[in-house]
């Protein structure tokens, strides 16, 4: 990394600002340079009160408005894959982080600097370590250390969503479903008990699984229960005494984590089930006034979020949240990561209208 401070111009157009952010390499756990640049530029905005925790930056207006909203994005990226620096080709900007999610960060930062008197008070959050284990996640850490900084009526996470609103998110759970047997020489297999063969019943149950499709706030979610890995075996001439099937359950946000775990344990009744990962979903919260006004301002159409995102962190604080950001998420983490210029401009324009009340 260069020794000189990284240059950012928050008043530049969002395409230029996205390029500037992309060109500051910020792979997870190496966000200091970009966090320093973001902090420096936000502190230069007299209308914002800025707080830093690690490499997470929080900037807030304090105008005494009736509502407060959070707009958040993460600063880190997955590792570099021959996709730096940023480059523009026609109507598309290419480069690491353009989609996930420095394009969204650029929209956020440009609005933070250029909308000094929004009709709603705003808390802007730029956080570290989203692309790695949740123990490092800057937003999660903030919910524990400074939940008051995240208090709000509504939150927007600038995750790529094709510049459309994706409300809430599904929860995710992973378990190891284990079978046990008895080792034996494969030439005398009848002297043992093959644990891999016993796993057939696990796979059979999964093949027969019928997904639940609940409707919440007018949005239909689609649950999924899938084997995502299988391990077993000792040697080429040994009947194995253990087999483990790794199973992922994506559950709708009307289930609690306790209910999701209970469902999976009942589904695999008779087998040894070990929980390895669990994260709650987030309800859409589209009945809140700020959420309704936001949806109207950005086009009126809402889709359910089937994956898990950090909107769940806000749900734990009782703050309804949506995903809204530029970029097609299918390009996230790809070598040819990219974002359409039109997405960047549309998100900036519509969020500006919502924050300034121009849509009324």
Protein backbone atom coordinates (compact mmCIF):
# COMPACT_ATOMS: atom_id res chain seq x y z
CA UNK A 1 0.00 0.00 0.00
CA UNK A 2 1.22 3.55 -0.70
CA UNK A 3 2.54 5.61 2.19
CA UNK A 4 0.74 8.81 1.15
CA UNK A 5 -2.84 9.37 2.34
CA UNK A 6 -5.55 8.12 0.01
CA UNK A 7 -7.46 10.88 -1.77
CA UNK A 8 -11.25 11.03 -1.69
CA UNK A 9 -13.53 13.80 -2.93
CA UNK A 10 -16.98 13.25 -1.43
CA UNK A 11 -18.43 16.07 -3.56
CA UNK A 12 -17.39 14.37 -6.81
CA UNK A 13 -20.03 12.56 -8.86
CA UNK A 14 -20.79 9.05 -7.63
CA UNK A 15 -19.03 7.36 -10.53
CA UNK A 16 -15.77 9.19 -9.85
CA UNK A 17 -16.13 8.61 -6.11
CA UNK A 18 -16.73 4.89 -6.67
CA UNK A 19 -13.51 4.71 -8.69
CA UNK A 20 -11.60 6.50 -5.93
CA UNK A 21 -12.92 4.07 -3.30
CA UNK A 22 -12.22 1.00 -5.43
CA UNK A 23 -8.63 2.12 -6.00
CA UNK A 24 -7.98 2.13 -2.25
CA UNK A 25 -7.30 -1.56 -1.64
CA UNK A 26 -9.25 -2.66 1.45
CA UNK A 27 -9.31 -6.44 1.71
CA UNK A 28 -10.84 -7.57 5.00
CA UNK A 29 -8.58 -6.85 8.01
CA UNK A 30 -6.72 -4.21 5.96
CA UNK A 31 -9.21 -1.34 6.06
CA UNK A 32 -7.10 1.27 7.87
CA UNK A 33 -6.17 3.31 4.80
CA UNK A 34 -9.73 3.57 3.49
CA UNK A 35 -11.14 4.15 6.99
CA UNK A 36 -8.62 6.96 7.56
CA UNK A 37 -9.63 8.62 4.29
CA UNK A 38 -13.35 8.29 5.00
CA UNK A 39 -12.95 9.63 8.54
CA UNK A 40 -10.88 12.59 7.38
CA UNK A 41 -13.40 13.66 4.74
CA UNK A 42 -16.46 13.17 6.96
CA UNK A 43 -14.89 15.18 9.79
CA UNK A 44 -14.50 18.03 7.31
CA UNK A 45 -18.31 18.20 7.04
CA UNK A 46 -19.47 20.68 9.70
CA UNK A 47 -23.01 19.26 9.78
CA UNK A 48 -21.85 15.78 10.85
CA UNK A 49 -20.77 14.43 14.25
CA UNK A 50 -18.22 11.68 13.63
CA UNK A 51 -17.31 8.69 15.83
CA UNK A 52 -14.73 6.01 15.06
CA UNK A 53 -14.53 2.52 16.53
CA UNK A 54 -11.63 0.51 15.11
CA UNK A 55 -12.01 0.90 11.34
CA UNK A 56 -15.73 1.61 11.57
CA UNK A 57 -16.88 5.20 11.03
CA UNK A 58 -20.23 6.65 12.17
CA UNK A 59 -21.35 10.13 11.05
CA UNK A 60 -24.62 11.63 12.30
CA UNK A 61 -26.77 14.67 11.70
CA UNK A 62 -28.48 16.07 14.79
CA UNK A 63 -31.22 18.38 13.55
CA UNK A 64 -33.99 17.30 15.90
CA UNK A 65 -36.06 15.71 13.13
CA UNK A 66 -39.06 13.51 13.97
CA UNK A 67 -37.44 10.44 12.39
CA UNK A 68 -33.92 9.04 12.25
CA UNK A 69 -32.68 6.62 9.62
CA UNK A 70 -29.44 4.67 9.27
CA UNK A 71 -27.70 4.25 5.91
CA UNK A 72 -24.86 1.72 6.13
CA UNK A 73 -22.22 0.03 4.01
CA UNK A 74 -19.09 -2.04 4.58
CA UNK A 75 -15.64 -0.86 3.54
CA UNK A 76 -13.91 -4.21 3.05
CA UNK A 77 -13.68 -6.47 0.01
CA UNK A 78 -12.76 -10.06 -0.73
CA UNK A 79 -9.13 -10.64 -1.83
CA UNK A 80 -7.78 -9.05 -5.00
CA UNK A 81 -8.12 -11.22 -8.11
CA UNK A 82 -6.42 -9.23 -10.85
CA UNK A 83 -9.27 -6.71 -10.74
CA UNK A 84 -7.61 -3.48 -9.60
CA UNK A 85 -7.57 -0.60 -10.38
CA UNK A 86 -11.10 0.33 -11.43
CA UNK A 87 -11.79 0.87 -15.11
CA UNK A 88 -14.76 2.25 -16.98
CA UNK A 89 -15.95 0.59 -20.18
CA UNK A 90 -18.95 2.33 -21.69
CA UNK A 91 -21.84 2.31 -19.24
CA UNK A 92 -20.20 -0.10 -16.78
CA UNK A 93 -17.56 0.39 -14.07
CA UNK A 94 -15.37 -2.67 -13.45
CA UNK A 95 -13.15 -3.52 -10.49
CA UNK A 96 -12.95 -5.13 -7.07
CA UNK A 97 -15.70 -3.80 -4.84
CA UNK A 98 -17.60 -1.89 -7.54
CA UNK A 99 -20.64 -4.09 -6.84
CA UNK A 100 -19.96 -5.35 -3.31
CA UNK A 101 -20.14 -2.63 -2.20
CA UNK A 102 -18.07 0.46 -2.88
CA UNK A 103 -20.65 1.68 -5.36
CA UNK A 104 -23.14 1.77 -2.49
CA UNK A 105 -20.53 3.36 -0.24
CA UNK A 106 -19.97 6.10 -2.81
CA UNK A 107 -23.69 6.90 -2.90
CA UNK A 108 -23.77 6.98 0.91
CA UNK A 109 -20.69 9.19 1.26
CA UNK A 110 -21.75 11.62 -1.47
CA UNK A 111 -25.12 12.11 0.22
CA UNK A 112 -23.50 12.48 3.65
CA UNK A 113 -21.35 15.33 2.34
CA UNK A 114 -23.87 17.10 0.10
CA UNK A 115 -27.20 16.88 1.99
CA UNK A 116 -26.53 19.02 5.09
CA UNK A 117 -30.19 19.44 6.10
CA UNK A 118 -32.12 16.24 5.38
CA UNK A 119 -35.80 16.06 6.33
CA UNK A 120 -34.93 13.05 8.48
CA UNK A 121 -31.92 12.84 10.76
CA UNK A 122 -29.42 10.40 9.27
CA UNK A 123 -26.77 8.12 10.74
CA UNK A 124 -24.21 7.09 8.12
CA UNK A 125 -22.20 3.97 8.98
CA UNK A 126 -19.11 2.70 7.12
CA UNK A 127 -17.91 -0.49 8.77
CA UNK A 128 -15.12 -3.03 8.61
CA UNK A 129 -14.82 -6.81 8.17
CA UNK A 130 -18.15 -7.82 6.65
CA UNK A 131 -16.63 -10.37 4.26
CA UNK A 132 -15.09 -12.53 7.01
CA UNK A 133 -16.23 -14.34 10.15
CA UNK A 134 -18.98 -12.49 12.01
CA UNK A 135 -16.82 -12.16 15.13
CA UNK A 136 -14.87 -9.45 13.25
CA UNK A 137 -17.88 -7.68 11.72
CA UNK A 138 -17.73 -3.96 12.53
CA UNK A 139 -21.50 -3.49 12.47
CA UNK A 140 -22.02 -6.41 14.84
CA UNK A 141 -19.37 -4.99 17.18
CA UNK A 142 -21.13 -1.62 17.07
CA UNK A 143 -24.46 -3.19 18.08
CA UNK A 144 -22.68 -4.47 21.20
CA UNK A 145 -20.42 -1.52 22.09
CA UNK A 146 -22.53 1.47 21.01
CA UNK A 147 -26.12 0.43 20.26
CA UNK A 148 -27.23 4.02 20.89
CA UNK A 149 -25.31 5.08 17.77
CA UNK A 150 -27.55 2.80 15.71
CA UNK A 151 -30.88 3.80 17.26
CA UNK A 152 -33.28 4.64 14.42
CA UNK A 153 -36.77 4.24 13.00
CA UNK A 154 -35.53 2.57 9.81
CA UNK A 155 -32.27 1.40 8.21
CA UNK A 156 -30.96 0.95 4.69
CA UNK A 157 -28.06 -1.37 3.93
CA UNK A 158 -26.42 -0.44 0.62
CA UNK A 159 -25.84 -4.06 -0.44
CA UNK A 160 -26.14 -4.63 -4.20
CA UNK A 161 -29.79 -5.27 -5.07
CA UNK A 162 -30.05 -4.23 -8.73
CA UNK A 163 -30.98 -0.74 -7.52
CA UNK A 164 -34.25 -2.13 -6.16
CA UNK A 165 -35.57 -2.67 -2.66
CA UNK A 166 -35.10 -6.09 -1.07
CA UNK A 167 -36.81 -6.16 2.29
CA UNK A 168 -35.63 -7.99 5.38
CA UNK A 169 -33.58 -11.15 4.94
CA UNK A 170 -33.79 -14.84 5.67
CA UNK A 171 -31.91 -16.41 8.54
CA UNK A 172 -29.23 -19.02 8.08
CA UNK A 173 -28.35 -22.10 10.11
CA UNK A 174 -25.77 -24.83 9.56
CA UNK A 175 -25.58 -28.21 11.24
CA UNK A 176 -23.47 -31.35 11.04
CA UNK A 177 -25.66 -34.43 10.84
CA UNK A 178 -23.54 -37.40 11.89
CA UNK A 179 -23.90 -41.15 11.42
CA UNK A 180 -21.81 -43.70 13.28
CA UNK A 181 -20.88 -47.27 12.47
CA UNK A 182 -18.05 -49.72 13.10
CA UNK A 183 -14.77 -50.03 11.27
CA UNK A 184 -13.83 -53.25 9.52
CA UNK A 185 -11.58 -54.43 6.70
CA UNK A 186 -13.44 -53.91 3.43
CA UNK A 187 -12.64 -57.53 2.50
CA UNK A 188 -14.76 -58.54 5.51
CA UNK A 189 -17.25 -55.66 5.41
CA UNK A 190 -19.95 -57.72 7.10
CA UNK A 191 -17.87 -57.56 10.26
CA UNK A 192 -18.44 -53.78 10.45
CA UNK A 193 -21.17 -51.18 9.99
CA UNK A 194 -20.73 -48.67 7.16
CA UNK A 195 -21.47 -45.16 8.41
CA UNK A 196 -21.51 -43.72 4.87
CA UNK A 197 -24.27 -46.11 3.89
CA UNK A 198 -26.27 -44.95 6.90
CA UNK A 199 -26.12 -41.39 5.55
CA UNK A 200 -28.46 -42.42 2.76
CA UNK A 201 -31.43 -41.82 5.06
CA UNK A 202 -30.26 -38.24 5.69
CA UNK A 203 -30.04 -37.55 1.96
CA UNK A 204 -33.40 -39.22 1.36
CA UNK A 205 -35.10 -36.94 3.88
CA UNK A 206 -33.50 -33.92 2.25
CA UNK A 207 -34.63 -35.03 -1.22
CA UNK A 208 -38.22 -35.28 0.06
CA UNK A 209 -38.15 -31.91 1.84
CA UNK A 210 -40.95 -29.53 0.86
CA UNK A 211 -39.93 -25.87 1.31
CA UNK A 212 -42.15 -23.52 3.27
CA UNK A 213 -43.20 -20.28 1.50
CA UNK A 214 -44.64 -17.84 4.05
CA UNK A 215 -45.97 -14.42 3.05
CA UNK A 216 -44.82 -11.55 5.31
CA UNK A 217 -45.82 -7.92 4.72
CA UNK A 218 -47.03 -8.99 1.28
CA UNK A 219 -43.68 -10.60 0.37
CA UNK A 220 -43.34 -14.34 -0.24
CA UNK A 221 -40.18 -15.91 1.16
CA UNK A 222 -38.88 -19.33 0.11
CA UNK A 223 -37.09 -21.49 2.66
CA UNK A 224 -34.41 -24.02 1.72
CA UNK A 225 -32.83 -27.04 3.40
CA UNK A 226 -29.83 -28.46 1.58
CA UNK A 227 -26.83 -30.70 2.01
CA UNK A 228 -23.80 -28.52 1.29
CA UNK A 229 -21.02 -30.96 2.14
CA UNK A 230 -20.32 -34.55 3.09
CA UNK A 231 -17.25 -36.15 4.64
CA UNK A 232 -16.34 -39.66 5.67
CA UNK A 233 -13.92 -42.45 5.01
CA UNK A 234 -10.71 -43.77 6.56
CA UNK A 235 -8.82 -45.57 3.81
CA UNK A 236 -9.49 -47.40 0.58
CA UNK A 237 -9.71 -50.75 2.35
CA UNK A 238 -11.59 -49.75 5.52
CA UNK A 239 -15.32 -49.67 6.20
CA UNK A 240 -15.83 -46.19 7.75
CA UNK A 241 -17.21 -45.73 11.25
CA UNK A 242 -18.34 -42.08 10.80
CA UNK A 243 -19.92 -39.88 8.16
CA UNK A 244 -20.91 -36.22 8.46
CA UNK A 245 -23.40 -34.42 6.21
CA UNK A 246 -23.23 -30.63 6.43
CA UNK A 247 -26.68 -29.08 6.05
CA UNK A 248 -27.65 -25.42 5.53
CA UNK A 249 -31.15 -24.17 6.42
CA UNK A 250 -32.25 -20.79 5.04
CA UNK A 251 -35.33 -19.84 7.02
CA UNK A 252 -37.92 -17.11 6.61
CA UNK A 253 -37.74 -14.16 9.03
CA UNK A 254 -40.97 -15.09 10.81
CA UNK A 255 -39.06 -17.93 12.49
CA UNK A 256 -36.87 -17.22 15.49
CA UNK A 257 -33.46 -18.82 15.67
CA UNK A 258 -34.80 -21.14 18.36
CA UNK A 259 -37.69 -22.21 16.14
CA UNK A 260 -35.35 -22.79 13.19
CA UNK A 261 -33.03 -24.97 15.25
CA UNK A 262 -35.96 -26.93 16.69
CA UNK A 263 -37.30 -27.58 13.18
CA UNK A 264 -33.97 -28.93 11.93
CA UNK A 265 -33.45 -31.14 14.98
CA UNK A 266 -36.95 -32.58 14.57
CA UNK A 267 -36.40 -33.06 10.83
CA UNK A 268 -33.30 -35.17 11.54
CA UNK A 269 -34.80 -36.98 14.52
CA UNK A 270 -32.79 -40.10 15.29
CA UNK A 271 -29.49 -38.65 14.11
CA UNK A 272 -26.68 -36.85 15.96
CA UNK A 273 -27.11 -33.14 15.06
CA UNK A 274 -24.48 -30.52 15.96
CA UNK A 275 -25.21 -26.81 15.43
CA UNK A 276 -22.23 -25.04 13.80
CA UNK A 277 -23.61 -21.66 12.71
CA UNK A 278 -26.76 -19.64 13.35
CA UNK A 279 -27.82 -16.11 12.38
CA UNK A 280 -31.31 -14.60 12.65
CA UNK A 281 -33.37 -13.26 9.80
CA UNK A 282 -34.87 -9.76 9.66
CA UNK A 283 -38.53 -8.84 9.24
CA UNK A 284 -39.30 -6.35 6.43
CA UNK A 285 -40.92 -3.71 8.64
CA UNK A 286 -42.63 -2.10 5.66
CA UNK A 287 -45.44 -0.80 7.86
CA UNK A 288 -43.18 1.88 9.37
CA UNK A 289 -43.77 5.44 8.03
CA UNK A 290 -40.14 5.97 7.05
CA UNK A 291 -40.09 2.62 5.24
CA UNK A 292 -43.30 3.38 3.34
CA UNK A 293 -41.99 6.80 2.28
CA UNK A 294 -38.69 5.25 1.19
CA UNK A 295 -40.38 2.58 -0.94
CA UNK A 296 -42.53 5.24 -2.63
CA UNK A 297 -39.48 7.41 -3.29
CA UNK A 298 -37.46 4.66 -4.98
CA UNK A 299 -40.15 3.21 -7.19
CA UNK A 300 -42.73 1.40 -5.09
CA UNK A 301 -41.63 -2.17 -5.86
CA UNK A 302 -40.22 -4.46 -3.18
CA UNK A 303 -38.84 -8.00 -3.35
CA UNK A 304 -37.97 -10.35 -0.48
CA UNK A 305 -34.30 -10.93 0.33
CA UNK A 306 -33.60 -14.65 0.18
CA UNK A 307 -29.99 -14.48 1.32
CA UNK A 308 -28.62 -13.27 4.66
CA UNK A 309 -27.27 -9.75 5.02
CA UNK A 310 -26.41 -7.41 7.86
CA UNK A 311 -29.96 -6.06 7.96
CA UNK A 312 -30.32 -8.81 10.56
CA UNK A 313 -28.00 -6.82 12.83
CA UNK A 314 -30.55 -4.00 12.80
CA UNK A 315 -33.40 -6.43 13.43
CA UNK A 316 -31.73 -7.45 16.70
CA UNK A 317 -31.94 -3.79 17.74
CA UNK A 318 -35.60 -3.55 16.77
CA UNK A 319 -34.85 -1.43 13.69
CA UNK A 320 -36.59 -2.56 10.46
CA UNK A 321 -34.25 -2.55 7.49
CA UNK A 322 -34.03 -3.09 3.76
CA UNK A 323 -31.28 -3.76 1.24
CA UNK A 324 -30.98 -1.10 -1.46
CA UNK A 325 -27.88 -0.59 -3.53
CA UNK A 326 -26.36 -0.44 -7.01
CA UNK A 327 -25.10 -3.55 -8.75
CA UNK A 328 -26.29 -7.03 -9.63
CA UNK A 329 -25.31 -9.31 -6.72
CA UNK A 330 -24.38 -12.12 -9.14
CA UNK A 331 -21.20 -10.10 -9.85
CA UNK A 332 -20.20 -9.90 -6.18
CA UNK A 333 -16.88 -11.64 -5.52
CA UNK A 334 -16.32 -12.41 -9.21
CA UNK A 335 -13.11 -11.48 -10.99
CA UNK A 336 -15.13 -9.40 -13.43
CA UNK A 337 -16.95 -7.54 -10.67
CA UNK A 338 -18.87 -4.59 -12.10
CA UNK A 339 -21.64 -2.06 -11.54
CA UNK A 340 -23.81 -0.25 -14.12
CA UNK A 341 -23.31 3.52 -14.15
CA UNK A 342 -27.09 3.92 -14.33
CA UNK A 343 -27.49 2.03 -11.01
CA UNK A 344 -25.09 4.39 -9.26
CA UNK A 345 -26.84 7.48 -10.56
CA UNK A 346 -30.35 6.17 -9.94
CA UNK A 347 -29.64 5.18 -6.32
CA UNK A 348 -28.02 8.55 -5.62
CA UNK A 349 -30.87 10.53 -7.18
CA UNK A 350 -33.67 8.62 -5.50
CA UNK A 351 -32.06 8.58 -2.07
CA UNK A 352 -31.38 12.29 -2.39
CA UNK A 353 -35.05 12.89 -3.20
CA UNK A 354 -36.10 10.87 -0.15
CA UNK A 355 -33.66 12.64 2.19
CA UNK A 356 -34.61 16.09 0.97
CA UNK A 357 -38.34 15.50 0.60
CA UNK A 358 -38.24 16.40 -3.09
CA UNK A 359 -40.46 13.48 -4.06
CA UNK A 360 -43.39 15.13 -2.26
